Protein backbone atom coordinates (compact mmCIF):
# COMPACT_ATOMS: atom_id res chain seq x y z
CA MET A 1 0.00 0.01 -0.10
CA ARG A 2 2.74 2.48 0.91
CA LYS A 3 4.50 1.70 -2.36
CA LEU A 4 1.41 2.26 -4.38
CA LEU A 5 0.82 5.75 -2.72
CA PHE A 6 4.43 6.58 -3.28
CA ILE A 7 4.10 5.60 -6.87
CA PHE A 8 1.03 7.94 -7.13
CA LEU A 9 2.53 10.86 -5.22
CA VAL A 10 5.66 10.73 -7.71
CA PHE A 11 3.36 10.52 -10.77
CA ILE A 12 1.33 13.60 -9.47
CA GLY A 13 4.83 15.38 -8.87
CA ILE A 14 5.77 14.63 -12.43
CA SER A 15 2.60 15.45 -13.92
CA ALA A 16 2.58 18.82 -12.39
CA SER A 17 6.11 19.44 -13.56
CA ALA A 18 5.03 18.76 -16.92
CA GLN A 19 2.18 20.97 -16.89
CA LYS A 20 4.32 23.89 -15.68
CA SER A 21 6.77 23.12 -18.43
CA ASP A 22 3.85 23.03 -21.04
CA LYS A 23 2.57 26.41 -19.98
CA GLU A 24 6.03 27.80 -20.09
CA SER A 25 6.57 26.43 -23.58
CA TYR A 26 3.40 27.74 -24.65
CA ILE A 27 4.04 31.20 -23.32
CA LYS A 28 7.54 31.31 -24.80
CA LYS A 29 6.38 30.36 -28.22
CA GLU A 30 3.37 32.82 -28.34
CA SER A 31 5.06 35.81 -26.74
CA ILE A 32 6.88 36.94 -29.93
CA GLY A 33 4.34 37.27 -32.77
CA GLY A 34 1.81 34.89 -31.26
CA ASN A 35 -1.24 35.30 -29.31
CA LEU A 36 0.53 36.80 -26.34
CA ASP A 37 2.34 39.53 -28.38
CA PHE A 38 0.26 42.51 -27.37
CA GLU A 39 2.57 45.25 -28.76
CA LYS A 40 0.51 45.25 -32.26
CA LYS A 41 -2.92 44.90 -30.75
CA VAL A 42 -2.12 47.96 -28.25
CA GLU A 43 -0.82 49.86 -31.02
CA ALA A 44 -4.00 49.37 -33.10
CA GLN A 45 -6.29 49.90 -30.45
CA TYR A 46 -4.72 53.04 -28.90
CA SER A 47 -3.05 54.37 -32.24
CA GLU A 48 -4.15 57.90 -31.33
CA MET A 49 -2.93 57.91 -27.74
CA THR A 50 0.65 58.40 -26.38
CA SER A 51 -0.07 56.76 -23.12
CA ILE A 52 -2.62 54.64 -21.51
CA PRO A 53 -4.36 55.04 -18.28
CA PHE A 54 -4.76 51.94 -16.13
CA GLY A 55 -6.38 52.46 -12.73
CA ASP A 56 -4.52 55.56 -11.07
CA MET A 57 -1.31 55.07 -13.33
CA THR A 58 -0.39 56.05 -16.82
CA PHE A 59 1.69 53.66 -19.28
CA SER A 60 3.32 53.89 -22.49
CA LYS A 61 1.96 51.63 -25.29
CA LYS A 62 4.94 49.33 -24.95
CA ASP A 63 4.61 49.11 -21.10
CA PHE A 64 0.88 48.62 -21.32
CA ALA A 65 1.50 45.47 -23.71
CA LEU A 66 3.73 44.30 -21.12
CA LEU A 67 1.06 44.76 -18.57
CA LEU A 68 -1.35 42.81 -20.66
CA TRP A 69 1.18 40.20 -21.11
CA ALA A 70 1.64 39.77 -17.42
CA VAL A 71 -2.25 39.41 -16.90
CA SER A 72 -2.12 36.68 -19.40
CA VAL A 73 0.77 34.90 -18.07
CA ARG A 74 -0.99 35.07 -14.59
CA ASN A 75 -4.16 33.72 -16.09
CA LEU A 76 -2.43 30.85 -17.59
CA GLY A 77 -1.30 29.50 -14.23
CA ILE A 78 2.25 31.20 -13.50
CA ASP A 79 1.75 32.11 -9.90
CA SER A 80 4.98 33.57 -9.10
CA PHE A 81 6.04 37.12 -9.87
CA ASP A 82 9.69 36.20 -9.79
CA GLN A 83 8.89 33.37 -11.96
CA THR A 84 7.27 35.69 -14.45
CA VAL A 85 10.10 38.18 -14.51
CA LYS A 86 12.54 35.15 -15.17
CA LEU A 87 10.25 34.04 -17.97
CA TRP A 88 10.02 37.37 -19.69
CA GLN A 89 13.99 37.84 -19.55
CA GLU A 90 14.51 34.30 -20.90
CA ILE A 91 12.05 35.11 -23.73
CA TYR A 92 13.61 38.63 -24.63
CA LYS A 93 17.02 38.04 -23.44
CA ARG A 94 17.46 41.15 -21.58
CA ASN A 95 16.67 42.41 -18.03
CA LEU A 96 13.76 44.56 -17.26
CA THR A 97 14.05 48.40 -16.91
CA ASP A 98 12.35 49.74 -13.74
CA THR A 99 9.27 51.12 -15.60
CA GLU A 100 8.88 47.85 -17.44
CA LYS A 101 9.17 46.02 -14.16
CA LYS A 102 6.57 48.34 -12.56
CA ALA A 103 4.22 47.48 -15.56
CA LEU A 104 4.74 43.72 -15.11
CA LYS A 105 3.99 43.91 -11.55
CA THR A 106 0.84 45.99 -12.00
CA GLY A 107 -0.29 43.45 -14.57
CA PHE A 108 0.63 40.43 -12.57
CA ASN A 109 -1.23 41.88 -9.64
CA ALA A 110 -4.25 43.08 -11.51
CA LYS A 111 -7.61 41.75 -10.49
CA PHE A 112 -10.29 41.32 -13.22
């Protein structure tokens, strides 16, 4: 019985790890030119504006696209802000600026 329970717990752990890996793979694939690339969508939607208000803050179009990306990543099941930052930096191969980090954190913490 213990052996069966142990095997079951190992299987659940492997399954959860695979699901996380699948989420991250999807996010990496769709972030540039895919469903999670919000820069063109924001530009089309807000073409007449130079900045976009969100709550009590205002963001550039680029930072607002990053905010939307963070909302989407959180909705896909990435629950750690630090993991979200790491994932973004892996995708774009650079560190976030302070204003980008602020936009990412605002989007990650947004409640809809």
